[in-house]
Amino acid sequence: MKTFSGGGVTLGVLTNGIAVPGWYRFYAPAPNDNTIRSIFTTDGATWTLDSGARLTIDVTSGKESWSIKEPAVVRLSDGTYFMVYSTAIP
């Protein structure tokens, strides 16, 4: 695991990335706060943690109990993005 600056968030394995004109964005679980975060790069060497979570676990819904991980994101033909992920179902 690697700790990125911008709050000292520890990210798990980068499981999925998307190309956007001029840069790349990757998604990873942040096990210390049960969120999925994103980081981006323009050169593949310098990475910047995006502020805020892309997805936060919702234990009140009854559909997730303690874990969200393995995000995968695709860009749809209308320009929006679609994410799927793994979770622990009670």
C-alpha atoms as a PDB file:
ATOM      1  CA  MET A   1       0.000   0.000   0.000  1.00  0.00           C
ATOM      2  CA  LYS A   2       1.053   3.580  -0.582  1.00  0.00           C
ATOM      3  CA  THR A   3       0.140   6.663   1.395  1.00  0.00           C
ATOM      4  CA  PHE A   4      -0.651   9.673  -0.746  1.00  0.00           C
ATOM      5  CA  SER A   5      -0.400  13.277   0.415  1.00  0.00           C
ATOM      6  CA  GLY A   6      -3.511  15.319   0.954  1.00  0.00           C
ATOM      7  CA  GLY A   7      -4.761  13.918   4.215  1.00  0.00           C
ATOM      8  CA  GLY A   8      -2.469  10.895   4.594  1.00  0.00           C
ATOM      9  CA  VAL A   9      -5.031   8.539   3.044  1.00  0.00           C
ATOM     10  CA  THR A  10      -3.765   4.991   2.593  1.00  0.00           C
ATOM     11  CA  LEU A  11      -4.992   3.407  -0.620  1.00  0.00           C
ATOM     12  CA  GLY A  12      -5.271  -0.280  -1.443  1.00  0.00           C
ATOM     13  CA  VAL A  13      -4.427  -1.785  -4.824  1.00  0.00           C
ATOM     14  CA  LEU A  14      -5.277   0.410  -7.814  1.00  0.00           C
ATOM     15  CA  THR A  15      -7.784  -1.793  -9.567  1.00  0.00           C
ATOM     16  CA  ASN A  16      -9.049   0.295 -12.465  1.00  0.00           C
ATOM     17  CA  GLY A  17      -8.042   3.355 -14.415  1.00  0.00           C
ATOM     18  CA  ILE A  18      -9.533   5.465 -17.152  1.00  0.00           C
ATOM     19  CA  ALA A  19      -7.900   7.686 -19.752  1.00  0.00           C
ATOM     20  CA  VAL A  20      -9.146  11.244 -19.936  1.00  0.00           C
ATOM     21  CA  PRO A  21      -7.621  13.676 -22.461  1.00  0.00           C
ATOM     22  CA  GLY A  22      -4.297  14.776 -20.966  1.00  0.00           C
ATOM     23  CA  TRP A  23      -4.298  12.544 -17.872  1.00  0.00           C
ATOM     24  CA  TYR A  24      -5.313   9.251 -16.240  1.00  0.00           C
ATOM     25  CA  ARG A  25      -7.484   8.651 -13.180  1.00  0.00           C
ATOM     26  CA  PHE A  26      -7.280   5.487 -11.081  1.00  0.00           C
ATOM     27  CA  TYR A  27      -9.614   4.238  -8.353  1.00  0.00           C
ATOM     28  CA  ALA A  28      -8.741   2.339  -5.183  1.00  0.00           C
ATOM     29  CA  PRO A  29     -10.278   1.408  -1.839  1.00  0.00           C
ATOM     30  CA  ALA A  30      -9.194   3.371   1.228  1.00  0.00           C
ATOM     31  CA  PRO A  31      -9.567   0.717   3.933  1.00  0.00           C
ATOM     32  CA  ASN A  32      -8.925   3.126   6.794  1.00  0.00           C
ATOM     33  CA  ASP A  33     -12.223   4.939   6.152  1.00  0.00           C
ATOM     34  CA  ASN A  34     -14.287   2.473   4.032  1.00  0.00           C
ATOM     35  CA  THR A  35     -14.345   4.679   0.952  1.00  0.00           C
ATOM     36  CA  ILE A  36     -13.272   4.471  -2.652  1.00  0.00           C
ATOM     37  CA  ARG A  37     -10.932   7.293  -3.603  1.00  0.00           C
ATOM     38  CA  SER A  38      -9.323   8.394  -6.842  1.00  0.00           C
ATOM     39  CA  ILE A  39      -5.895   9.633  -7.853  1.00  0.00           C
ATOM     40  CA  PHE A  40      -4.719  11.112 -11.125  1.00  0.00           C
ATOM     41  CA  THR A  41      -1.518  11.565 -13.114  1.00  0.00           C
ATOM     42  CA  THR A  42      -0.455  13.365 -16.263  1.00  0.00           C
ATOM     43  CA  ASP A  43       2.902  11.615 -16.619  1.00  0.00           C
ATOM     44  CA  GLY A  44       2.612   8.236 -14.860  1.00  0.00           C
ATOM     45  CA  ALA A  45       5.253   9.261 -12.312  1.00  0.00           C
ATOM     46  CA  THR A  46       3.604  11.986 -10.229  1.00  0.00           C
ATOM     47  CA  TRP A  47       0.271  11.102  -8.638  1.00  0.00           C
ATOM     48  CA  THR A  48      -2.215  13.435  -6.931  1.00  0.00           C
ATOM     49  CA  LEU A  49      -4.965  12.305  -4.580  1.00  0.00           C
ATOM     50  CA  ASP A  50      -8.349  13.805  -5.484  1.00  0.00           C
ATOM     51  CA  SER A  51     -10.127  15.468  -2.589  1.00  0.00           C
ATOM     52  CA  GLY A  52     -13.079  13.630  -1.083  1.00  0.00           C
ATOM     53  CA  ALA A  53     -14.376  10.126  -1.632  1.00  0.00           C
ATOM     54  CA  ARG A  54     -15.889   8.835  -4.863  1.00  0.00           C
ATOM     55  CA  LEU A  55     -17.987   6.323  -2.899  1.00  0.00           C
ATOM     56  CA  THR A  56     -18.664   5.923   0.822  1.00  0.00           C
ATOM     57  CA  ILE A  57     -19.998   2.782   2.460  1.00  0.00           C
ATOM     58  CA  ASP A  58     -23.635   3.017   3.550  1.00  0.00           C
ATOM     59  CA  VAL A  59     -24.245   0.594   6.407  1.00  0.00           C
ATOM     60  CA  THR A  60     -27.709   2.102   7.043  1.00  0.00           C
ATOM     61  CA  SER A  61     -29.092   0.716   3.780  1.00  0.00           C
ATOM     62  CA  GLY A  62     -28.742  -2.908   4.890  1.00  0.00           C
ATOM     63  CA  LYS A  63     -27.000  -3.712   1.596  1.00  0.00           C
ATOM     64  CA  GLU A  64     -23.409  -3.159   2.749  1.00  0.00           C
ATOM     65  CA  SER A  65     -22.010  -4.243   6.089  1.00  0.00           C
ATOM     66  CA  TRP A  66     -18.325  -3.424   6.410  1.00  0.00           C
ATOM     67  CA  SER A  67     -16.344  -3.318   3.172  1.00  0.00           C
ATOM     68  CA  ILE A  68     -16.245  -1.698  -0.243  1.00  0.00           C
ATOM     69  CA  LYS A  69     -13.404  -2.583  -2.618  1.00  0.00           C
ATOM     70  CA  GLU A  70     -12.347  -3.523  -6.159  1.00  0.00           C
ATOM     71  CA  PRO A  71     -13.873  -0.541  -7.979  1.00  0.00           C
ATOM     72  CA  ALA A  72     -14.166  -0.647 -11.751  1.00  0.00           C
ATOM     73  CA  VAL A  73     -15.170   2.449 -13.717  1.00  0.00           C
ATOM     74  CA  VAL A  74     -16.090   2.879 -17.376  1.00  0.00           C
ATOM     75  CA  ARG A  75     -17.030   5.935 -19.374  1.00  0.00           C
ATOM     76  CA  LEU A  76     -20.390   5.548 -21.101  1.00  0.00           C
ATOM     77  CA  SER A  77     -21.197   6.798 -24.600  1.00  0.00           C
ATOM     78  CA  ASP A  78     -23.113   9.774 -23.175  1.00  0.00           C
ATOM     79  CA  GLY A  79     -19.989  10.968 -21.297  1.00  0.00           C
ATOM     80  CA  THR A  80     -21.105   9.862 -17.826  1.00  0.00           C
ATOM     81  CA  TYR A  81     -19.246   7.306 -15.713  1.00  0.00           C
ATOM     82  CA  PHE A  82     -20.460   4.015 -14.261  1.00  0.00           C
ATOM     83  CA  MET A  83     -18.829   2.317 -11.253  1.00  0.00           C
ATOM     84  CA  VAL A  84     -19.246  -1.225  -9.971  1.00  0.00           C
ATOM     85  CA  TYR A  85     -17.551  -2.510  -6.814  1.00  0.00           C
ATOM     86  CA  SER A  86     -17.433  -5.405  -4.362  1.00  0.00           C
ATOM     87  CA  THR A  87     -18.995  -5.181  -0.930  1.00  0.00           C
ATOM     88  CA  ALA A  88     -19.800  -7.401   2.041  1.00  0.00           C
ATOM     89  CA  ILE A  89     -23.540  -8.056   2.137  1.00  0.00           C
ATOM     90  CA  PRO A  90     -24.984  -8.819   5.572  1.00  0.00           C
END
